[in-house]
Amino acid sequence: MRKGAMLFALLVLGATALNAQTTYTLPVGSTFLCDAEGYANQMVCRGIPLVDSSDKPAGSFYLFSLNREGAWLPGIPYDPYGSITKWDELPTGGQGSFKFEWDQDGHTGTAEATWITKRVCGNRCWNHPELLTFRVTVN
């Protein structure tokens, strides 16, 4: 009977580990200014810094277009040709939130953010999406 109970406990723990998720976020108190928009609601954010739950640097995330991403995180080798497989919320209207699902070389997860449009002027003025929050969950 003991062996059966122990085997059951190990199976439960193993199944739990297989379904584990890890979440990474922007560092506490920071925002991220994305590339200038070439057209309204364009979202290109290269090198979004991410930290783990202890606020220690963990990697970065790249949003190249509405259908392409790149993640560089523990256990996920960087590949700039990862796919955004489904948008739950698209970035529209100059501010708000967005959420999407991604797949990079068999690694999957979600990403979500809140953002605003920030006008940056030098000799010309450009609109840049600024991420106020950004969270990536790796399945």
Protein backbone atom coordinates (compact mmCIF):
# COMPACT_ATOMS: atom_id res chain seq x y z
CA MET A 1 0.00 0.00 0.00
CA ARG A 2 2.85 2.41 0.83
CA LYS A 3 4.49 1.89 -2.56
CA GLY A 4 1.20 2.68 -4.31
CA ALA A 5 0.73 5.89 -2.33
CA MET A 6 4.31 6.95 -2.96
CA LEU A 7 3.99 6.24 -6.70
CA PHE A 8 0.78 8.27 -6.82
CA ALA A 9 2.47 11.20 -5.04
CA LEU A 10 5.38 11.13 -7.50
CA LEU A 11 3.00 11.08 -10.47
CA VAL A 12 1.11 14.09 -9.10
CA LEU A 13 4.34 16.02 -8.50
CA GLY A 14 5.62 15.11 -11.97
CA ALA A 15 2.40 16.25 -13.63
CA THR A 16 2.52 19.51 -11.71
CA ALA A 17 6.09 20.15 -12.86
CA LEU A 18 5.14 19.49 -16.48
CA ASN A 19 2.47 22.20 -16.34
CA ALA A 20 4.64 24.77 -14.56
CA GLN A 21 4.60 28.33 -15.82
CA THR A 22 7.17 31.04 -15.29
CA THR A 23 6.37 34.75 -15.47
CA TYR A 24 8.78 37.57 -16.31
CA THR A 25 8.04 41.30 -16.15
CA LEU A 26 9.58 44.70 -16.73
CA PRO A 27 11.88 45.67 -13.85
CA VAL A 28 10.06 47.27 -10.91
CA GLY A 29 9.42 50.97 -11.50
CA SER A 30 10.48 50.99 -15.16
CA THR A 31 8.76 51.51 -18.50
CA PHE A 32 10.01 50.73 -22.02
CA LEU A 33 9.98 53.10 -24.99
CA CYS A 34 9.43 51.20 -28.25
CA ASP A 35 10.56 52.19 -31.75
CA ALA A 36 8.80 55.12 -33.41
CA GLU A 37 5.57 54.26 -35.17
CA GLY A 38 5.84 54.23 -38.97
CA TYR A 39 2.03 54.15 -39.07
CA ALA A 40 -0.73 54.35 -36.46
CA ASN A 41 -0.70 51.54 -33.89
CA GLN A 42 2.50 49.97 -35.23
CA MET A 43 4.14 48.11 -32.36
CA VAL A 44 7.85 47.32 -32.71
CA CYS A 45 9.60 46.90 -29.37
CA ARG A 46 13.12 45.51 -29.51
CA GLY A 47 14.97 44.40 -26.38
CA ILE A 48 12.30 44.71 -23.69
CA PRO A 49 14.23 43.90 -20.48
CA LEU A 50 12.66 41.23 -18.30
CA VAL A 51 13.24 40.21 -14.70
CA ASP A 52 12.16 37.20 -12.66
CA SER A 53 10.00 37.25 -9.53
CA SER A 54 13.03 38.40 -7.48
CA ASP A 55 13.56 41.39 -9.82
CA LYS A 56 16.79 39.81 -11.13
CA PRO A 57 17.59 40.19 -14.87
CA ALA A 58 16.30 37.16 -16.77
CA GLY A 59 16.42 38.05 -20.48
CA SER A 60 14.56 40.11 -23.03
CA PHE A 61 11.65 40.04 -25.44
CA TYR A 62 11.36 41.39 -28.95
CA LEU A 63 8.13 42.35 -30.68
CA PHE A 64 8.93 42.79 -34.38
CA SER A 65 5.45 43.02 -35.90
CA LEU A 66 1.90 41.88 -35.34
CA ASN A 67 2.93 38.32 -36.25
CA ARG A 68 6.59 37.93 -35.24
CA GLU A 69 8.38 37.86 -31.87
CA GLY A 70 11.67 36.81 -30.37
CA ALA A 71 12.24 35.72 -26.78
CA TRP A 72 15.59 35.34 -25.05
CA LEU A 73 14.78 33.76 -21.71
CA PRO A 74 16.11 30.92 -19.52
CA GLY A 75 15.78 27.65 -21.42
CA ILE A 76 14.68 29.36 -24.65
CA PRO A 77 17.40 30.01 -27.21
CA TYR A 78 16.90 33.33 -29.01
CA ASP A 79 15.19 33.10 -32.40
CA PRO A 80 13.93 36.28 -34.11
CA TYR A 81 11.43 34.23 -36.11
CA GLY A 82 9.09 33.18 -33.33
CA SER A 83 5.40 33.46 -34.17
CA ILE A 84 2.58 35.38 -32.60
CA THR A 85 -0.11 32.76 -32.96
CA LYS A 86 -3.17 34.61 -31.62
CA TRP A 87 -4.00 38.15 -30.55
CA ASP A 88 -6.53 38.32 -27.71
CA GLU A 89 -6.36 42.13 -27.69
CA LEU A 90 -4.71 44.21 -30.43
CA PRO A 91 -2.89 47.48 -29.69
CA THR A 92 -5.19 50.23 -31.01
CA GLY A 93 -6.20 53.79 -30.23
CA GLY A 94 -2.98 55.32 -28.90
CA GLN A 95 -3.21 53.68 -25.48
CA GLY A 96 -4.67 50.71 -23.71
CA SER A 97 -3.66 47.09 -23.38
CA PHE A 98 -2.82 44.15 -25.57
CA LYS A 99 -2.37 40.42 -25.14
CA PHE A 100 -1.13 37.69 -27.45
CA GLU A 101 -0.03 34.07 -27.52
CA TRP A 102 3.36 33.13 -28.96
CA ASP A 103 5.31 30.06 -30.09
CA GLN A 104 9.07 29.98 -30.51
CA ASP A 105 10.70 26.70 -31.52
CA GLY A 106 8.17 24.67 -29.51
CA HIS A 107 8.22 26.98 -26.46
CA THR A 108 4.87 28.68 -25.93
CA GLY A 109 3.40 31.37 -23.74
CA THR A 110 1.51 34.62 -23.54
CA ALA A 111 2.51 38.27 -23.37
CA GLU A 112 0.43 41.18 -22.20
CA ALA A 113 1.00 44.87 -21.67
CA THR A 114 -0.47 48.25 -20.94
CA TRP A 115 0.82 51.14 -23.02
CA ILE A 116 0.45 54.77 -24.04
CA THR A 117 1.70 56.77 -27.01
CA LYS A 118 4.51 59.18 -26.15
CA ARG A 119 5.48 62.01 -28.53
CA VAL A 120 9.27 62.42 -28.75
CA CYS A 121 10.67 65.46 -30.55
CA GLY A 122 14.17 66.27 -31.80
CA ASN A 123 14.43 67.97 -35.16
CA ARG A 124 11.24 65.98 -35.96
CA CYS A 125 8.50 64.58 -33.79
CA TRP A 126 7.63 60.89 -33.66
CA ASN A 127 5.07 58.84 -31.76
CA HIS A 128 6.53 55.99 -29.74
CA PRO A 129 4.50 53.33 -27.91
CA GLU A 130 5.66 53.28 -24.29
CA LEU A 131 5.06 50.06 -22.36
CA LEU A 132 3.92 50.86 -18.83
CA THR A 133 3.68 47.17 -17.92
CA PHE A 134 4.82 44.07 -19.80
CA ARG A 135 4.45 40.48 -18.62
CA VAL A 136 5.53 37.29 -20.39
CA THR A 137 4.38 33.90 -19.20
CA VAL A 138 6.27 30.83 -20.44
CA ASN A 139 4.37 27.54 -20.39
